[in-house]
Amino acid sequence: MRPDKVEISWDATKSSWLVRIEVGEEVVRRHVTLPKTAADDALRSAATKAVTDEGYQPDLAVITIAR
């Protein structure tokens, strides 16, 4: 199953990146430890790993990065 939407954004309260995975009405949130200045490629890779770890098939087209 593929997620409908995957967004990675900086969570200032936790000082880490937050990956938000939406599948239908279900939302899964996972924090990843990368520096705030991480490159887009590193962020996409971390989001892809989080999606895979949750048991979904990653799709780079649905991953957005909110800086």
C-alpha atoms as a PDB file:
ATOM      1  CA  MET A   1       0.000   0.000   0.000  1.00  0.00           C
ATOM      2  CA  ARG A   2       1.253   3.474  -0.821  1.00  0.00           C
ATOM      3  CA  PRO A   3       0.722   6.528   1.373  1.00  0.00           C
ATOM      4  CA  ASP A   4      -1.476   9.346   0.065  1.00  0.00           C
ATOM      5  CA  LYS A   5       0.860  12.028   1.339  1.00  0.00           C
ATOM      6  CA  VAL A   6       4.243  12.202   3.079  1.00  0.00           C
ATOM      7  CA  GLU A   7       5.508  15.466   4.502  1.00  0.00           C
ATOM      8  CA  ILE A   8       8.742  16.164   6.326  1.00  0.00           C
ATOM      9  CA  SER A   9       9.036  19.363   8.329  1.00  0.00           C
ATOM     10  CA  TRP A  10      11.154  20.804  11.123  1.00  0.00           C
ATOM     11  CA  ASP A  11       9.634  20.348  14.584  1.00  0.00           C
ATOM     12  CA  ALA A  12      11.025  23.229  16.649  1.00  0.00           C
ATOM     13  CA  THR A  13       9.713  21.851  19.946  1.00  0.00           C
ATOM     14  CA  LYS A  14      11.660  18.580  19.518  1.00  0.00           C
ATOM     15  CA  SER A  15      14.533  20.077  17.477  1.00  0.00           C
ATOM     16  CA  SER A  16      14.246  17.303  14.901  1.00  0.00           C
ATOM     17  CA  TRP A  17      12.592  16.562  11.605  1.00  0.00           C
ATOM     18  CA  LEU A  18       9.057  15.172  11.688  1.00  0.00           C
ATOM     19  CA  VAL A  19       7.857  12.764   8.993  1.00  0.00           C
ATOM     20  CA  ARG A  20       4.065  12.793   8.663  1.00  0.00           C
ATOM     21  CA  ILE A  21       2.634   9.853   6.702  1.00  0.00           C
ATOM     22  CA  GLU A  22      -1.024  10.008   5.614  1.00  0.00           C
ATOM     23  CA  VAL A  23      -2.879   6.913   4.436  1.00  0.00           C
ATOM     24  CA  GLY A  24      -6.591   7.583   4.174  1.00  0.00           C
ATOM     25  CA  GLU A  25      -7.650   8.956   7.562  1.00  0.00           C
ATOM     26  CA  GLU A  26      -4.681   7.397   9.367  1.00  0.00           C
ATOM     27  CA  VAL A  27      -1.713   9.645  10.169  1.00  0.00           C
ATOM     28  CA  VAL A  28       1.621   8.290  11.394  1.00  0.00           C
ATOM     29  CA  ARG A  29       4.264  10.639  12.788  1.00  0.00           C
ATOM     30  CA  ARG A  30       7.946   9.732  13.131  1.00  0.00           C
ATOM     31  CA  HIS A  31      10.865  11.914  14.174  1.00  0.00           C
ATOM     32  CA  VAL A  32      14.210  11.570  12.411  1.00  0.00           C
ATOM     33  CA  THR A  33      17.522  12.884  13.663  1.00  0.00           C
ATOM     34  CA  LEU A  34      19.097  14.983  10.988  1.00  0.00           C
ATOM     35  CA  PRO A  35      20.537  18.486  11.331  1.00  0.00           C
ATOM     36  CA  LYS A  36      18.209  21.391  10.579  1.00  0.00           C
ATOM     37  CA  THR A  37      20.402  22.254   7.582  1.00  0.00           C
ATOM     38  CA  ALA A  38      20.131  18.760   6.048  1.00  0.00           C
ATOM     39  CA  ALA A  39      20.034  18.563   2.263  1.00  0.00           C
ATOM     40  CA  ASP A  40      16.798  17.712   0.472  1.00  0.00           C
ATOM     41  CA  ASP A  41      18.221  14.361  -0.672  1.00  0.00           C
ATOM     42  CA  ALA A  42      18.973  13.355   2.920  1.00  0.00           C
ATOM     43  CA  LEU A  43      15.479  14.393   4.017  1.00  0.00           C
ATOM     44  CA  ARG A  44      13.820  12.440   1.202  1.00  0.00           C
ATOM     45  CA  SER A  45      15.932   9.407   2.076  1.00  0.00           C
ATOM     46  CA  ALA A  46      14.939   9.637   5.754  1.00  0.00           C
ATOM     47  CA  ALA A  47      11.263  10.019   4.821  1.00  0.00           C
ATOM     48  CA  THR A  48      11.491   7.037   2.469  1.00  0.00           C
ATOM     49  CA  LYS A  49      13.032   4.923   5.247  1.00  0.00           C
ATOM     50  CA  ALA A  50      10.295   5.956   7.690  1.00  0.00           C
ATOM     51  CA  VAL A  51       7.603   5.026   5.152  1.00  0.00           C
ATOM     52  CA  THR A  52       9.254   1.644   4.536  1.00  0.00           C
ATOM     53  CA  ASP A  53       9.668   1.008   8.280  1.00  0.00           C
ATOM     54  CA  GLU A  54       5.914   1.561   8.709  1.00  0.00           C
ATOM     55  CA  GLY A  55       5.228  -1.135   6.112  1.00  0.00           C
ATOM     56  CA  TYR A  56       4.214   1.097   3.211  1.00  0.00           C
ATOM     57  CA  GLN A  57       5.681   1.326  -0.273  1.00  0.00           C
ATOM     58  CA  PRO A  58       7.542   4.624  -0.701  1.00  0.00           C
ATOM     59  CA  ASP A  59       6.624   6.907  -3.588  1.00  0.00           C
ATOM     60  CA  LEU A  60       8.942   9.902  -4.074  1.00  0.00           C
ATOM     61  CA  ALA A  61       6.173  11.786  -5.896  1.00  0.00           C
ATOM     62  CA  VAL A  62       4.121  12.176  -2.695  1.00  0.00           C
ATOM     63  CA  ILE A  63       6.990  13.356  -0.453  1.00  0.00           C
ATOM     64  CA  THR A  64       7.040  17.094   0.260  1.00  0.00           C
ATOM     65  CA  ILE A  65       9.564  19.032   2.296  1.00  0.00           C
ATOM     66  CA  ALA A  66       8.353  22.015   4.322  1.00  0.00           C
ATOM     67  CA  ARG A  67      11.223  24.246   5.367  1.00  0.00           C
END
